[in-house]
Amino acid sequence: MFKETSKTQRMIAAGTAVAVGLYLMILAPTQAMSTLKLALHAVMERLIPLDPDFYTAVPILGATFGIWIILIAFGGALLLVIAYSMYKGSLEARAVGMGVTGIGAVAGMTMFIPWMVLIVSDYSQGPVPGIEAPPADVSLTPPVLWIMAISLVGYFTFLLADKDNIKNKIYKTIIYTGIGVVSGMVFMNAQHGVRYFEFIPEYLNETENLHRYDNPYGNTYTNLDYYDALGLTTISQAQMDNIKADEAIDIIHKDKTVESIVIKKSTPTYNPNTIALFLGGYGNYIASYMMMFMVPFIFLRKRWAYNTILTVTVLSMTASYWNAIVRGSFEWVIGGTMSLGLLVFLLIPVFKQFLVDPDEKEEATA
């Protein structure tokens, strides 16, 4: 029944494709860029001067927002192209529309989080002293929130624009919502992983201010062997500038406990965070994107796409739990558990029937 549609449903789907397509092409890119500029302004003016942990917000958010902007702009154009096919009842067009709006929804969700972390969150109570509270009139609603909301309207319109019964539509809503939510969480875990994996203090020694790529200590694969990234998150830039190699200093953790630790090392020590953060960062980026890129194909119930989404879900679960063990951070537990939950749902027959054709395997082995 999911292939059968009424004329009214086809008209609604086509109209939604045009409206959402125009929005993603014309308004959404500017809203995303405005959110990025405001977030980076807050980082550079309020956070970076005191807390070196925020340095990587500039290159990481610049890169990821840029990718999202390009994807949603191209997606908007694609929606306009396939709108007529939706009106004609093309199942493939509906599948593509779901993929485009699914990406838009995850983009809006993941671009919303930096606004809350960098603009709205109050770090004036520590752990790094001296940071000012956010302005009293700061808005809790970033421009990108509309990208998520409008994309979700399109996503569920395309998903449910058929003559299937209510029970099946509820099942489809649950599993396809789960894929999107977990994709967003996996992406945010990736942001967290990469920001430590990419973390380089601005000043590598007391006399020179070197560009990160001009110094071997600033290489992505060596920095964690020379610096304790977790220790760096609780000290100010002024402290960082004066720390000598192999000198133990007292740092105050977020739970107010004090620990004497060597932040800057003169000789490398293999740090297990390197591989854990590599997979939890860049590996999770790939897993997140692949979850959403597979949506059109699992909507068409292709077994290879179903196997692909199983694979990336297992990878994100493993990488996230690995980071939870290595780094002792609960947010990785949340990410790993959400991936585990999605994996279970993907395997349950009542949901699996909407993701893969049960007859495809039989035909392949006939």
Protein backbone atom coordinates (compact mmCIF):
# COMPACT_ATOMS: atom_id res chain seq x y z
CA MET A 1 0.00 0.00 0.00
CA PHE A 2 2.93 2.39 0.50
CA LYS A 3 3.27 2.60 -3.30
CA GLU A 4 -0.35 3.64 -3.83
CA THR A 5 -1.23 7.32 -3.56
CA SER A 6 -4.31 9.46 -4.12
CA LYS A 7 -4.39 12.51 -6.35
CA THR A 8 -4.73 14.74 -3.29
CA GLN A 9 -1.66 13.17 -1.68
CA ARG A 10 0.33 13.60 -4.88
CA MET A 11 -0.68 17.26 -5.14
CA ILE A 12 0.28 17.87 -1.49
CA ALA A 13 3.64 16.13 -1.96
CA ALA A 14 4.40 18.09 -5.13
CA GLY A 15 3.40 21.39 -3.55
CA THR A 16 5.51 20.61 -0.51
CA ALA A 17 8.48 19.80 -2.74
CA VAL A 18 8.19 23.18 -4.48
CA ALA A 19 7.73 25.16 -1.26
CA VAL A 20 10.50 23.39 0.67
CA GLY A 21 12.77 23.43 -2.39
CA LEU A 22 12.46 27.19 -2.79
CA TYR A 23 13.04 27.68 0.92
CA LEU A 24 16.17 25.49 0.98
CA MET A 25 17.57 27.29 -2.06
CA ILE A 26 16.74 30.89 -1.20
CA LEU A 27 16.40 31.38 2.56
CA ALA A 28 18.04 28.46 4.34
CA PRO A 29 21.65 29.13 3.20
CA THR A 30 21.49 32.70 4.52
CA GLN A 31 19.95 31.55 7.81
CA ALA A 32 22.71 28.96 8.22
CA MET A 33 25.46 31.46 7.46
CA SER A 34 23.94 34.02 9.82
CA THR A 35 23.90 31.44 12.60
CA LEU A 36 27.53 30.53 11.89
CA LYS A 37 28.70 34.16 11.89
CA LEU A 38 26.95 34.96 15.17
CA ALA A 39 28.27 31.79 16.83
CA LEU A 40 31.84 32.48 15.72
CA HIS A 41 31.56 36.09 16.85
CA ALA A 42 30.64 34.87 20.33
CA VAL A 43 33.57 32.42 20.28
CA MET A 44 36.13 35.02 19.21
CA GLU A 45 34.89 37.83 21.44
CA ARG A 46 33.86 36.02 24.62
CA LEU A 47 35.42 32.55 24.77
CA ILE A 48 38.69 32.18 22.84
CA PRO A 49 40.58 34.99 24.63
CA LEU A 50 40.31 33.07 27.91
CA ASP A 51 39.68 29.42 27.03
CA PRO A 52 41.91 27.72 24.42
CA ASP A 53 39.48 24.79 24.26
CA PHE A 54 37.26 26.83 21.92
CA TYR A 55 39.86 27.45 19.20
CA THR A 56 38.69 24.61 17.02
CA ALA A 57 35.13 25.95 16.83
CA VAL A 58 36.27 28.25 14.03
CA PRO A 59 37.69 25.69 11.54
CA ILE A 60 35.33 22.84 12.46
CA LEU A 61 32.10 24.83 12.36
CA GLY A 62 33.30 26.69 9.29
CA ALA A 63 33.82 23.40 7.45
CA THR A 64 30.68 21.58 8.62
CA PHE A 65 28.33 24.53 8.18
CA GLY A 66 29.78 25.02 4.71
CA ILE A 67 29.06 21.41 3.78
CA TRP A 68 25.51 21.64 5.12
CA ILE A 69 24.86 24.88 3.22
CA ILE A 70 25.96 23.33 -0.06
CA LEU A 71 23.95 20.15 0.53
CA ILE A 72 20.72 21.95 1.39
CA ALA A 73 21.06 24.38 -1.54
CA PHE A 74 21.59 21.52 -4.00
CA GLY A 75 18.80 19.61 -2.26
CA GLY A 76 16.42 22.51 -2.73
CA ALA A 77 17.17 22.58 -6.46
CA LEU A 78 16.64 18.82 -6.65
CA LEU A 79 13.23 19.10 -4.97
CA LEU A 80 12.13 21.56 -7.65
CA VAL A 81 13.31 19.20 -10.36
CA ILE A 82 11.43 16.17 -8.99
CA ALA A 83 8.23 17.97 -7.93
CA TYR A 84 6.42 17.08 -11.15
CA SER A 85 7.47 13.44 -10.83
CA MET A 86 5.96 13.44 -7.35
CA TYR A 87 2.73 14.75 -8.79
CA LYS A 88 2.78 11.89 -11.30
CA GLY A 89 3.13 9.41 -8.43
CA SER A 90 6.79 8.43 -8.76
CA LEU A 91 7.91 6.41 -5.74
CA GLU A 92 11.55 7.18 -6.56
CA ALA A 93 10.82 10.92 -6.46
CA ARG A 94 9.25 10.58 -3.01
CA ALA A 95 12.32 8.64 -1.88
CA VAL A 96 14.66 11.36 -3.12
CA GLY A 97 12.50 14.00 -1.45
CA MET A 98 12.82 12.14 1.85
CA GLY A 99 16.59 12.03 1.46
CA VAL A 100 16.84 15.75 0.75
CA THR A 101 14.57 16.84 3.59
CA GLY A 102 16.13 14.31 5.96
CA ILE A 103 19.52 15.89 5.34
CA GLY A 104 17.97 19.32 5.86
CA ALA A 105 16.44 18.25 9.18
CA VAL A 106 19.70 16.79 10.49
CA ALA A 107 21.58 19.86 9.26
CA GLY A 108 19.21 22.16 11.12
CA MET A 109 19.49 20.06 14.29
CA THR A 110 23.29 19.93 14.26
CA MET A 111 23.63 23.63 13.40
CA PHE A 112 21.25 24.48 16.24
CA ILE A 113 23.49 22.89 18.92
CA PRO A 114 26.48 25.27 18.42
CA TRP A 115 24.13 28.20 19.00
CA MET A 116 23.15 26.77 22.38
CA VAL A 117 26.73 25.84 23.31
CA LEU A 118 28.55 28.95 22.11
CA ILE A 119 26.00 31.76 22.41
CA VAL A 120 23.43 30.78 25.02
CA SER A 121 25.45 28.68 27.51
CA ASP A 122 26.81 30.47 30.59
CA TYR A 123 30.45 29.63 31.37
CA SER A 124 30.93 32.42 33.90
CA GLN A 125 30.85 29.91 36.77
CA GLY A 126 33.82 27.95 35.44
CA PRO A 127 35.75 25.87 35.01
CA VAL A 128 37.92 28.51 33.30
CA PRO A 129 37.74 31.79 35.26
CA GLY A 130 36.98 35.17 33.74
CA ILE A 131 34.53 34.27 30.97
CA GLU A 132 31.56 36.62 30.86
CA ALA A 133 27.97 35.42 30.91
CA PRO A 134 26.09 35.67 27.60
CA PRO A 135 24.16 38.91 26.99
CA ALA A 136 20.84 39.04 28.82
CA ASP A 137 18.91 39.64 25.59
CA VAL A 138 20.42 36.72 23.66
CA SER A 139 17.83 34.81 21.64
CA LEU A 140 17.21 31.15 22.35
CA THR A 141 15.97 30.66 18.79
CA PRO A 142 18.65 30.62 16.08
CA PRO A 143 17.75 31.16 12.41
CA VAL A 144 18.63 27.53 11.60
CA LEU A 145 15.77 26.26 13.73
CA TRP A 146 13.51 26.97 10.76
CA ILE A 147 15.68 24.73 8.55
CA MET A 148 15.02 21.79 10.86
CA ALA A 149 11.30 22.53 11.25
CA ILE A 150 10.50 23.09 7.57
CA SER A 151 12.62 20.12 6.48
CA LEU A 152 10.78 17.89 8.95
CA VAL A 153 7.46 18.98 7.44
CA GLY A 154 8.69 17.84 4.04
CA TYR A 155 10.24 14.64 5.42
CA PHE A 156 7.04 13.37 7.02
CA THR A 157 4.85 14.61 4.17
CA PHE A 158 6.81 12.49 1.67
CA LEU A 159 7.01 9.53 4.05
CA LEU A 160 3.27 9.39 4.74
CA ALA A 161 1.86 10.43 1.33
CA ASP A 162 0.37 7.02 0.53
CA LYS A 163 -2.68 4.85 1.19
CA ASP A 164 -1.01 2.69 3.82
CA ASN A 165 -2.98 1.99 7.00
CA ILE A 166 -2.54 4.03 10.17
CA LYS A 167 -0.66 1.29 12.03
CA ASN A 168 1.98 1.02 9.31
CA LYS A 169 2.31 4.79 9.12
CA ILE A 170 3.01 4.87 12.86
CA TYR A 171 5.67 2.18 12.48
CA LYS A 172 7.28 4.08 9.59
CA THR A 173 7.23 7.33 11.55
CA ILE A 174 9.01 5.67 14.48
CA ILE A 175 11.83 4.04 12.51
CA TYR A 176 12.46 6.93 10.11
CA THR A 177 12.42 9.42 12.99
CA GLY A 178 14.90 7.22 14.84
CA ILE A 179 17.30 7.18 11.91
CA GLY A 180 17.27 10.98 11.71
CA VAL A 181 17.66 11.58 15.44
CA VAL A 182 20.52 9.09 15.77
CA SER A 183 22.22 10.54 12.70
CA GLY A 184 22.15 13.96 14.38
CA MET A 185 23.50 12.60 17.67
CA VAL A 186 26.26 10.70 15.88
CA PHE A 187 27.20 13.91 14.05
CA MET A 188 27.41 15.83 17.32
CA ASN A 189 29.61 13.10 18.83
CA ALA A 190 31.80 13.47 15.75
CA GLN A 191 32.05 17.24 16.33
CA HIS A 192 33.11 16.57 19.89
CA GLY A 193 35.67 13.97 18.83
CA VAL A 194 37.23 16.05 16.10
CA ARG A 195 37.53 19.17 18.22
CA TYR A 196 39.87 17.32 20.59
CA PHE A 197 41.60 15.41 17.82
CA GLU A 198 42.20 18.73 16.06
CA PHE A 199 42.98 20.67 19.23
CA ILE A 200 46.13 22.77 18.94
CA PRO A 201 46.97 25.59 21.41
CA GLU A 202 47.53 28.94 19.75
CA TYR A 203 50.96 29.38 21.30
CA LEU A 204 53.25 26.36 20.96
CA ASN A 205 56.01 27.89 23.05
CA GLU A 206 56.79 31.06 24.98
CA THR A 207 58.50 32.96 22.19
CA GLU A 208 56.80 32.10 18.92
CA ASN A 209 53.27 32.15 17.67
CA LEU A 210 53.39 29.52 14.92
CA HIS A 211 50.72 28.40 12.54
CA ARG A 212 49.59 24.91 13.46
CA TYR A 213 50.69 23.44 10.11
CA ASP A 214 54.18 24.94 10.38
CA ASN A 215 55.10 22.95 13.46
CA PRO A 216 55.35 19.15 13.82
CA TYR A 217 53.79 19.39 17.30
CA GLY A 218 50.76 20.93 15.65
CA ASN A 219 50.13 17.91 13.43
CA THR A 220 46.81 16.15 13.92
CA TYR A 221 48.50 12.83 14.63
CA THR A 222 51.07 14.15 17.12
CA ASN A 223 49.30 16.84 19.12
CA LEU A 224 47.67 14.49 21.62
CA ASP A 225 51.03 12.83 22.21
CA TYR A 226 52.48 16.19 23.34
CA TYR A 227 49.46 17.79 24.99
CA ASP A 228 46.84 16.61 27.44
CA ALA A 229 43.65 17.74 25.71
CA LEU A 230 41.38 17.10 28.69
CA GLY A 231 43.66 19.10 30.97
CA LEU A 232 43.67 21.98 28.51
CA THR A 233 39.90 22.32 28.75
CA THR A 234 40.06 23.63 32.32
CA ILE A 235 42.81 26.26 32.11
CA SER A 236 42.87 29.74 30.65
CA GLN A 237 44.89 31.01 27.70
CA ALA A 238 47.07 33.03 30.08
CA GLN A 239 47.97 29.84 31.96
CA MET A 240 48.61 28.04 28.70
CA ASP A 241 51.05 30.70 27.55
CA ASN A 242 53.20 30.30 30.68
CA ILE A 243 53.28 26.52 30.98
CA LYS A 244 56.68 24.95 30.38
CA ALA A 245 57.11 21.45 29.02
CA ASP A 246 56.98 18.67 31.64
CA GLU A 247 55.88 21.11 34.33
CA ALA A 248 53.02 19.78 36.48
CA ILE A 249 50.33 22.31 37.33
CA ASP A 250 47.18 22.14 39.39
CA ILE A 251 44.04 22.18 37.30
CA ILE A 252 40.45 22.46 38.50
CA HIS A 253 38.07 20.02 36.84
CA LYS A 254 34.43 20.75 36.12
CA ASP A 255 33.43 18.90 39.27
CA LYS A 256 35.71 21.29 41.25
CA THR A 257 38.29 18.60 42.07
CA VAL A 258 41.94 19.62 41.79
CA GLU A 259 44.54 17.46 40.04
CA SER A 260 48.26 17.98 39.45
CA ILE A 261 48.96 17.11 35.83
CA VAL A 262 51.54 17.65 33.08
CA ILE A 263 49.76 19.50 30.28
CA LYS A 264 52.64 20.07 27.87
CA LYS A 265 55.20 17.30 27.24
CA SER A 266 58.65 17.58 25.69
CA THR A 267 58.72 13.97 24.49
CA PRO A 268 55.81 12.08 22.92
CA THR A 269 53.78 9.51 24.79
CA TYR A 270 51.38 7.40 22.76
CA ASN A 271 47.91 8.59 23.59
CA PRO A 272 45.01 6.14 23.03
CA ASN A 273 42.76 9.15 22.48
CA THR A 274 44.28 9.54 19.02
CA ILE A 275 42.72 6.47 17.45
CA ALA A 276 39.57 6.63 19.60
CA LEU A 277 38.90 10.23 18.62
CA PHE A 278 39.80 9.56 15.00
CA LEU A 279 37.07 6.91 14.70
CA GLY A 280 34.69 8.72 17.04
CA GLY A 281 35.28 11.93 15.09
CA TYR A 282 35.87 11.35 11.38
CA GLY A 283 34.41 7.84 11.52
CA ASN A 284 31.23 9.18 13.08
CA TYR A 285 31.03 11.95 10.47
CA ILE A 286 30.93 9.30 7.76
CA ALA A 287 28.43 7.19 9.73
CA SER A 288 26.11 10.17 10.24
CA TYR A 289 26.12 11.18 6.58
CA MET A 290 25.69 7.60 5.40
CA MET A 291 22.63 7.12 7.62
CA MET A 292 20.86 9.98 5.87
CA PHE A 293 22.20 9.23 2.39
CA MET A 294 20.72 5.73 2.70
CA VAL A 295 17.22 7.01 3.50
CA PRO A 296 16.01 7.15 -0.14
CA PHE A 297 17.27 3.65 -0.80
CA ILE A 298 15.87 2.01 2.32
CA PHE A 299 12.58 3.76 1.55
CA LEU A 300 12.75 1.86 -1.75
CA ARG A 301 13.63 -1.19 0.38
CA LYS A 302 17.02 -1.98 -1.18
CA ARG A 303 18.86 -4.68 0.76
CA TRP A 304 22.31 -3.22 0.07
CA ALA A 305 21.19 0.09 1.59
CA TYR A 306 19.77 -1.70 4.61
CA ASN A 307 23.07 -3.53 5.09
CA THR A 308 24.93 -0.25 4.73
CA ILE A 309 22.91 1.48 7.43
CA LEU A 310 23.40 -1.54 9.70
CA THR A 311 27.16 -1.28 9.12
CA VAL A 312 27.48 2.42 9.92
CA THR A 313 25.23 2.04 12.97
CA VAL A 314 27.49 -0.71 14.35
CA LEU A 315 30.54 1.47 13.64
CA SER A 316 29.09 4.53 15.39
CA MET A 317 28.02 2.41 18.37
CA THR A 318 31.48 0.86 18.72
CA ALA A 319 33.38 4.13 18.26
CA SER A 320 31.15 5.98 20.72
CA TYR A 321 31.42 3.35 23.44
CA TRP A 322 35.18 3.20 22.85
CA ASN A 323 35.44 6.92 23.49
CA ALA A 324 33.25 6.57 26.58
CA ILE A 325 35.78 4.10 27.98
CA VAL A 326 38.93 5.97 26.95
CA ARG A 327 37.70 9.46 27.85
CA GLY A 328 35.24 8.74 30.65
CA SER A 329 32.65 11.08 29.14
CA PHE A 330 28.94 10.37 29.53
CA GLU A 331 27.94 12.04 26.28
CA TRP A 332 29.71 9.23 24.44
CA VAL A 333 27.64 6.74 26.43
CA ILE A 334 24.51 8.52 25.22
CA GLY A 335 25.69 8.42 21.60
CA GLY A 336 26.66 4.75 21.78
CA THR A 337 23.39 3.80 23.45
CA MET A 338 21.34 5.68 20.86
CA SER A 339 23.19 3.84 18.08
CA LEU A 340 22.62 0.55 19.90
CA GLY A 341 18.92 1.37 20.21
CA LEU A 342 18.70 2.15 16.49
CA LEU A 343 20.46 -1.11 15.67
CA VAL A 344 17.88 -3.05 17.68
CA PHE A 345 15.00 -1.25 15.96
CA LEU A 346 16.53 -1.90 12.52
CA LEU A 347 16.57 -5.63 13.27
CA ILE A 348 13.01 -5.90 14.64
CA PRO A 349 10.85 -7.45 11.87
CA VAL A 350 7.93 -5.05 12.35
CA PHE A 351 10.24 -2.13 11.45
CA LYS A 352 12.57 -4.02 9.12
CA GLN A 353 9.72 -4.68 6.68
CA PHE A 354 9.67 -0.96 5.84
CA LEU A 355 13.42 -0.86 5.14
CA VAL A 356 14.13 -3.95 3.05
CA ASP A 357 12.09 -6.07 0.66
CA PRO A 358 11.66 -9.50 2.29
CA ASP A 359 11.41 -11.11 -1.17
CA GLU A 360 14.65 -9.64 -2.48
CA LYS A 361 16.85 -12.26 -0.80
CA GLU A 362 14.67 -15.09 -2.08
CA GLU A 363 14.95 -13.80 -5.64
CA ALA A 364 18.74 -13.44 -5.32
CA THR A 365 19.14 -17.06 -4.18
CA ALA A 366 16.63 -18.58 -6.59
